Amino acid sequence: MDRIFAWDDHHNRVVYRIPGCTHKDGREDSDLSPVWLPAKESELPENVCLEDLRRVSVEE
């Protein structure tokens, strides 16, 4: 499964999502309803830096 990474402006952190994934809590990730999860900068793919990430605002 490919992760899509982004920068969460609301919490100032790296987040990711897995399109099409159904999570244990029943939420399904889709383009209309993305499920963003916290990530570490060290998890970013090689040659990807914070400036490359799109910006999102994740509300809890």
PDB file of N, CA and C in Angstrom:
ATOM      1  N   MET A   1       0.841  -1.184   0.000  1.00  0.00           N
ATOM      2  CA  MET A   1       0.000   0.000   0.000  1.00  0.00           C
ATOM      3  C   MET A   1       0.884   1.244   0.000  1.00  0.00           C
ATOM      4  N   ASP A   2       0.570   2.143  -0.878  1.00  0.00           N
ATOM      5  CA  ASP A   2       1.343   3.371  -0.993  1.00  0.00           C
ATOM      6  C   ASP A   2       0.771   4.439  -0.069  1.00  0.00           C
ATOM      7  N   ARG A   3       1.655   5.047   0.664  1.00  0.00           N
ATOM      8  CA  ARG A   3       1.262   6.151   1.548  1.00  0.00           C
ATOM      9  C   ARG A   3       1.397   7.471   0.802  1.00  0.00           C
ATOM     10  N   ILE A   4       0.472   8.374   1.075  1.00  0.00           N
ATOM     11  CA  ILE A   4       0.536   9.733   0.558  1.00  0.00           C
ATOM     12  C   ILE A   4       0.832  10.628   1.761  1.00  0.00           C
ATOM     13  N   PHE A   5       1.933  11.339   1.699  1.00  0.00           N
ATOM     14  CA  PHE A   5       2.354  12.184   2.809  1.00  0.00           C
ATOM     15  C   PHE A   5       1.945  13.634   2.563  1.00  0.00           C
ATOM     16  N   ALA A   6       1.742  14.360   3.664  1.00  0.00           N
ATOM     17  CA  ALA A   6       1.401  15.788   3.603  1.00  0.00           C
ATOM     18  C   ALA A   6       1.884  16.444   4.888  1.00  0.00           C
ATOM     19  N   TRP A   7       1.811  17.781   4.913  1.00  0.00           N
ATOM     20  CA  TRP A   7       2.149  18.543   6.112  1.00  0.00           C
ATOM     21  C   TRP A   7       0.856  19.074   6.707  1.00  0.00           C
ATOM     22  N   ASP A   8       0.604  18.745   7.975  1.00  0.00           N
ATOM     23  CA  ASP A   8      -0.585  19.196   8.687  1.00  0.00           C
ATOM     24  C   ASP A   8      -0.300  20.577   9.280  1.00  0.00           C
ATOM     25  N   ASP A   9      -0.841  21.617   8.665  1.00  0.00           N
ATOM     26  CA  ASP A   9      -0.646  22.989   9.139  1.00  0.00           C
ATOM     27  C   ASP A   9      -1.263  23.215  10.517  1.00  0.00           C
ATOM     28  N   HIS A  10      -2.330  22.496  10.811  1.00  0.00           N
ATOM     29  CA  HIS A  10      -3.049  22.684  12.076  1.00  0.00           C
ATOM     30  C   HIS A  10      -2.212  22.225  13.275  1.00  0.00           C
ATOM     31  N   HIS A  11      -1.482  21.113  13.107  1.00  0.00           N
ATOM     32  CA  HIS A  11      -0.691  20.551  14.212  1.00  0.00           C
ATOM     33  C   HIS A  11       0.818  20.618  13.964  1.00  0.00           C
ATOM     34  N   ASN A  12       1.217  21.199  12.844  1.00  0.00           N
ATOM     35  CA  ASN A  12       2.644  21.310  12.491  1.00  0.00           C
ATOM     36  C   ASN A  12       3.354  19.961  12.572  1.00  0.00           C
ATOM     37  N   ARG A  13       2.867  19.013  11.758  1.00  0.00           N
ATOM     38  CA  ARG A  13       3.451  17.673  11.753  1.00  0.00           C
ATOM     39  C   ARG A  13       3.256  17.020  10.391  1.00  0.00           C
ATOM     40  N   VAL A  14       4.031  15.973  10.167  1.00  0.00           N
ATOM     41  CA  VAL A  14       3.885  15.165   8.961  1.00  0.00           C
ATOM     42  C   VAL A  14       2.731  14.192   9.190  1.00  0.00           C
ATOM     43  N   VAL A  15       1.898  14.017   8.180  1.00  0.00           N
ATOM     44  CA  VAL A  15       0.803  13.049   8.227  1.00  0.00           C
ATOM     45  C   VAL A  15       0.815  12.229   6.937  1.00  0.00           C
ATOM     46  N   TYR A  16       0.097  11.112   6.970  1.00  0.00           N
ATOM     47  CA  TYR A  16      -0.020  10.292   5.762  1.00  0.00           C
ATOM     48  C   TYR A  16      -1.404   9.677   5.691  1.00  0.00           C
ATOM     49  N   ARG A  17      -1.743   9.210   4.517  1.00  0.00           N
ATOM     50  CA  ARG A  17      -2.993   8.479   4.305  1.00  0.00           C
ATOM     51  C   ARG A  17      -2.721   7.342   3.343  1.00  0.00           C
ATOM     52  N   ILE A  18      -3.588   6.332   3.384  1.00  0.00           N
ATOM     53  CA  ILE A  18      -3.497   5.195   2.477  1.00  0.00           C
ATOM     54  C   ILE A  18      -4.837   5.106   1.760  1.00  0.00           C
ATOM     55  N   PRO A  19      -4.927   5.643   0.536  1.00  0.00           N
ATOM     56  CA  PRO A  19      -6.199   5.648  -0.196  1.00  0.00           C
ATOM     57  C   PRO A  19      -6.779   4.239  -0.340  1.00  0.00           C
ATOM     58  N   GLY A  20      -8.080   4.143  -0.065  1.00  0.00           N
ATOM     59  CA  GLY A  20      -8.779   2.871  -0.197  1.00  0.00           C
ATOM     60  C   GLY A  20      -8.680   1.974   1.017  1.00  0.00           C
ATOM     61  N   CYS A  21      -7.910   2.368   2.011  1.00  0.00           N
ATOM     62  CA  CYS A  21      -7.718   1.557   3.212  1.00  0.00           C
ATOM     63  C   CYS A  21      -8.906   1.727   4.160  1.00  0.00           C
ATOM     64  N   THR A  22      -9.388   0.621   4.724  1.00  0.00           N
ATOM     65  CA  THR A  22     -10.389   0.682   5.779  1.00  0.00           C
ATOM     66  C   THR A  22      -9.662   0.451   7.094  1.00  0.00           C
ATOM     67  N   HIS A  23      -9.775   1.399   8.005  1.00  0.00           N
ATOM     68  CA  HIS A  23      -9.061   1.344   9.272  1.00  0.00           C
ATOM     69  C   HIS A  23      -9.838   0.533  10.302  1.00  0.00           C
ATOM     70  N   LYS A  24      -9.158   0.140  11.362  1.00  0.00           N
ATOM     71  CA  LYS A  24      -9.768  -0.695  12.407  1.00  0.00           C
ATOM     72  C   LYS A  24     -11.016  -0.065  13.012  1.00  0.00           C
ATOM     73  N   ASP A  25     -11.067   1.264  13.026  1.00  0.00           N
ATOM     74  CA  ASP A  25     -12.236   1.939  13.594  1.00  0.00           C
ATOM     75  C   ASP A  25     -13.381   2.080  12.600  1.00  0.00           C
ATOM     76  N   GLY A  26     -13.218   1.495  11.404  1.00  0.00           N
ATOM     77  CA  GLY A  26     -14.280   1.496  10.407  1.00  0.00           C
ATOM     78  C   GLY A  26     -14.227   2.628   9.404  1.00  0.00           C
ATOM     79  N   ARG A  27     -13.349   3.609   9.622  1.00  0.00           N
ATOM     80  CA  ARG A  27     -13.252   4.719   8.670  1.00  0.00           C
ATOM     81  C   ARG A  27     -12.560   4.236   7.399  1.00  0.00           C
ATOM     82  N   GLU A  28     -13.124   4.617   6.263  1.00  0.00           N
ATOM     83  CA  GLU A  28     -12.518   4.272   4.971  1.00  0.00           C
ATOM     84  C   GLU A  28     -11.919   5.526   4.358  1.00  0.00           C
ATOM     85  N   ASP A  29     -10.661   5.415   3.962  1.00  0.00           N
ATOM     86  CA  ASP A  29      -9.963   6.544   3.352  1.00  0.00           C
ATOM     87  C   ASP A  29     -10.370   6.661   1.892  1.00  0.00           C
ATOM     88  N   SER A  30     -10.824   7.833   1.515  1.00  0.00           N
ATOM     89  CA  SER A  30     -11.153   8.106   0.112  1.00  0.00           C
ATOM     90  C   SER A  30     -10.736   9.533  -0.197  1.00  0.00           C
ATOM     91  N   ASP A  31     -10.728   9.876  -1.468  1.00  0.00           N
ATOM     92  CA  ASP A  31     -10.362  11.242  -1.857  1.00  0.00           C
ATOM     93  C   ASP A  31     -11.348  12.266  -1.299  1.00  0.00           C
ATOM     94  N   LEU A  32     -12.616  11.883  -1.151  1.00  0.00           N
ATOM     95  CA  LEU A  32     -13.620  12.794  -0.605  1.00  0.00           C
ATOM     96  C   LEU A  32     -13.578  12.866   0.912  1.00  0.00           C
ATOM     97  N   SER A  33     -13.068  11.800   1.551  1.00  0.00           N
ATOM     98  CA  SER A  33     -12.990  11.747   3.001  1.00  0.00           C
ATOM     99  C   SER A  33     -11.665  11.115   3.420  1.00  0.00           C
ATOM    100  N   PRO A  34     -10.558  11.869   3.284  1.00  0.00           N
ATOM    101  CA  PRO A  34      -9.250  11.306   3.613  1.00  0.00           C
ATOM    102  C   PRO A  34      -9.094  11.085   5.119  1.00  0.00           C
ATOM    103  N   VAL A  35      -8.388  10.028   5.475  1.00  0.00           N
ATOM    104  CA  VAL A  35      -8.074   9.734   6.875  1.00  0.00           C
ATOM    105  C   VAL A  35      -6.582   9.977   7.047  1.00  0.00           C
ATOM    106  N   TRP A  36      -6.222  11.112   7.641  1.00  0.00           N
ATOM    107  CA  TRP A  36      -4.827  11.473   7.835  1.00  0.00           C
ATOM    108  C   TRP A  36      -4.352  10.945   9.176  1.00  0.00           C
ATOM    109  N   LEU A  37      -3.207  10.285   9.170  1.00  0.00           N
ATOM    110  CA  LEU A  37      -2.611   9.719  10.369  1.00  0.00           C
ATOM    111  C   LEU A  37      -1.250  10.362  10.616  1.00  0.00           C
ATOM    112  N   PRO A  38      -0.862  10.513  11.887  1.00  0.00           N
ATOM    113  CA  PRO A  38       0.445  11.121  12.181  1.00  0.00           C
ATOM    114  C   PRO A  38       1.592  10.256  11.665  1.00  0.00           C
ATOM    115  N   ALA A  39       2.660  10.904  11.253  1.00  0.00           N
ATOM    116  CA  ALA A  39       3.863  10.210  10.778  1.00  0.00           C
ATOM    117  C   ALA A  39       5.079  10.963  11.289  1.00  0.00           C
ATOM    118  N   LYS A  40       6.223  10.366  11.108  1.00  0.00           N
ATOM    119  CA  LYS A  40       7.482  11.007  11.478  1.00  0.00           C
ATOM    120  C   LYS A  40       8.189  11.450  10.204  1.00  0.00           C
ATOM    121  N   GLU A  41       8.945  12.499  10.321  1.00  0.00           N
ATOM    122  CA  GLU A  41       9.700  12.986   9.167  1.00  0.00           C
ATOM    123  C   GLU A  41      10.620  11.898   8.619  1.00  0.00           C
ATOM    124  N   SER A  42      11.119  11.037   9.488  1.00  0.00           N
ATOM    125  CA  SER A  42      12.017   9.953   9.074  1.00  0.00           C
ATOM    126  C   SER A  42      11.318   8.909   8.198  1.00  0.00           C
ATOM    127  N   GLU A  43       9.986   8.903   8.186  1.00  0.00           N
ATOM    128  CA  GLU A  43       9.217   7.965   7.369  1.00  0.00           C
ATOM    129  C   GLU A  43       9.038   8.431   5.927  1.00  0.00           C
ATOM    130  N   LEU A  44       9.397   9.675   5.642  1.00  0.00           N
ATOM    131  CA  LEU A  44       9.251  10.189   4.279  1.00  0.00           C
ATOM    132  C   LEU A  44      10.115   9.391   3.315  1.00  0.00           C
ATOM    133  N   PRO A  45       9.643   9.192   2.095  1.00  0.00           N
ATOM    134  CA  PRO A  45      10.454   8.490   1.093  1.00  0.00           C
ATOM    135  C   PRO A  45      11.770   9.237   0.837  1.00  0.00           C
ATOM    136  N   GLU A  46      12.746   8.500   0.391  1.00  0.00           N
ATOM    137  CA  GLU A  46      14.037   9.089   0.077  1.00  0.00           C
ATOM    138  C   GLU A  46      13.867  10.208  -0.945  1.00  0.00           C
ATOM    139  N   ASN A  47      14.597  11.267  -0.785  1.00  0.00           N
ATOM    140  CA  ASN A  47      14.585  12.435  -1.667  1.00  0.00           C
ATOM    141  C   ASN A  47      13.313  13.278  -1.562  1.00  0.00           C
ATOM    142  N   VAL A  48      12.499  13.073  -0.532  1.00  0.00           N
ATOM    143  CA  VAL A  48      11.323  13.909  -0.298  1.00  0.00           C
ATOM    144  C   VAL A  48      11.581  14.696   0.982  1.00  0.00           C
ATOM    145  N   CYS A  49      11.416  16.022   0.898  1.00  0.00           N
ATOM    146  CA  CYS A  49      11.628  16.850   2.080  1.00  0.00           C
ATOM    147  C   CYS A  49      10.317  17.554   2.441  1.00  0.00           C
ATOM    148  N   LEU A  50      10.300  18.192   3.586  1.00  0.00           N
ATOM    149  CA  LEU A  50       9.084  18.840   4.069  1.00  0.00           C
ATOM    150  C   LEU A  50       8.540  19.870   3.084  1.00  0.00           C
ATOM    151  N   GLU A  51       9.423  20.575   2.400  1.00  0.00           N
ATOM    152  CA  GLU A  51       8.988  21.602   1.444  1.00  0.00           C
ATOM    153  C   GLU A  51       8.251  20.995   0.247  1.00  0.00           C
ATOM    154  N   ASP A  52       8.449  19.710  -0.005  1.00  0.00           N
ATOM    155  CA  ASP A  52       7.790  19.033  -1.134  1.00  0.00           C
ATOM    156  C   ASP A  52       6.342  18.639  -0.823  1.00  0.00           C
ATOM    157  N   LEU A  53       5.982  18.609   0.457  1.00  0.00           N
ATOM    158  CA  LEU A  53       4.681  18.091   0.865  1.00  0.00           C
ATOM    159  C   LEU A  53       3.572  19.116   0.647  1.00  0.00           C
ATOM    160  N   ARG A  54       2.409  18.622   0.249  1.00  0.00           N
ATOM    161  CA  ARG A  54       1.256  19.512   0.148  1.00  0.00           C
ATOM    162  C   ARG A  54       0.769  19.816   1.561  1.00  0.00           C
ATOM    163  N   ARG A  55       0.080  20.907   1.711  1.00  0.00           N
ATOM    164  CA  ARG A  55      -0.376  21.345   3.016  1.00  0.00           C
ATOM    165  C   ARG A  55      -1.858  20.971   3.210  1.00  0.00           C
ATOM    166  N   VAL A  56      -2.145  20.407   4.384  1.00  0.00           N
ATOM    167  CA  VAL A  56      -3.530  20.056   4.747  1.00  0.00           C
ATOM    168  C   VAL A  56      -3.759  20.563   6.168  1.00  0.00           C
ATOM    169  N   SER A  57      -5.001  20.615   6.577  1.00  0.00           N
ATOM    170  CA  SER A  57      -5.351  20.992   7.948  1.00  0.00           C
ATOM    171  C   SER A  57      -6.211  19.867   8.517  1.00  0.00           C
ATOM    172  N   VAL A  58      -5.624  19.098   9.420  1.00  0.00           N
ATOM    173  CA  VAL A  58      -6.297  17.929   9.984  1.00  0.00           C
ATOM    174  C   VAL A  58      -6.994  18.330  11.272  1.00  0.00           C
ATOM    175  N   GLU A  59      -8.280  18.187  11.283  1.00  0.00           N
ATOM    176  CA  GLU A  59      -9.079  18.449  12.490  1.00  0.00           C
ATOM    177  C   GLU A  59      -9.299  17.122  13.193  1.00  0.00           C
ATOM    178  N   GLU A  60      -9.165  17.124  14.493  1.00  0.00           N
ATOM    179  CA  GLU A  60      -9.354  15.895  15.285  1.00  0.00           C
ATOM    180  C   GLU A  60     -10.819  15.631  15.515  1.00  0.00           C
TER     181      GLU A  60
END
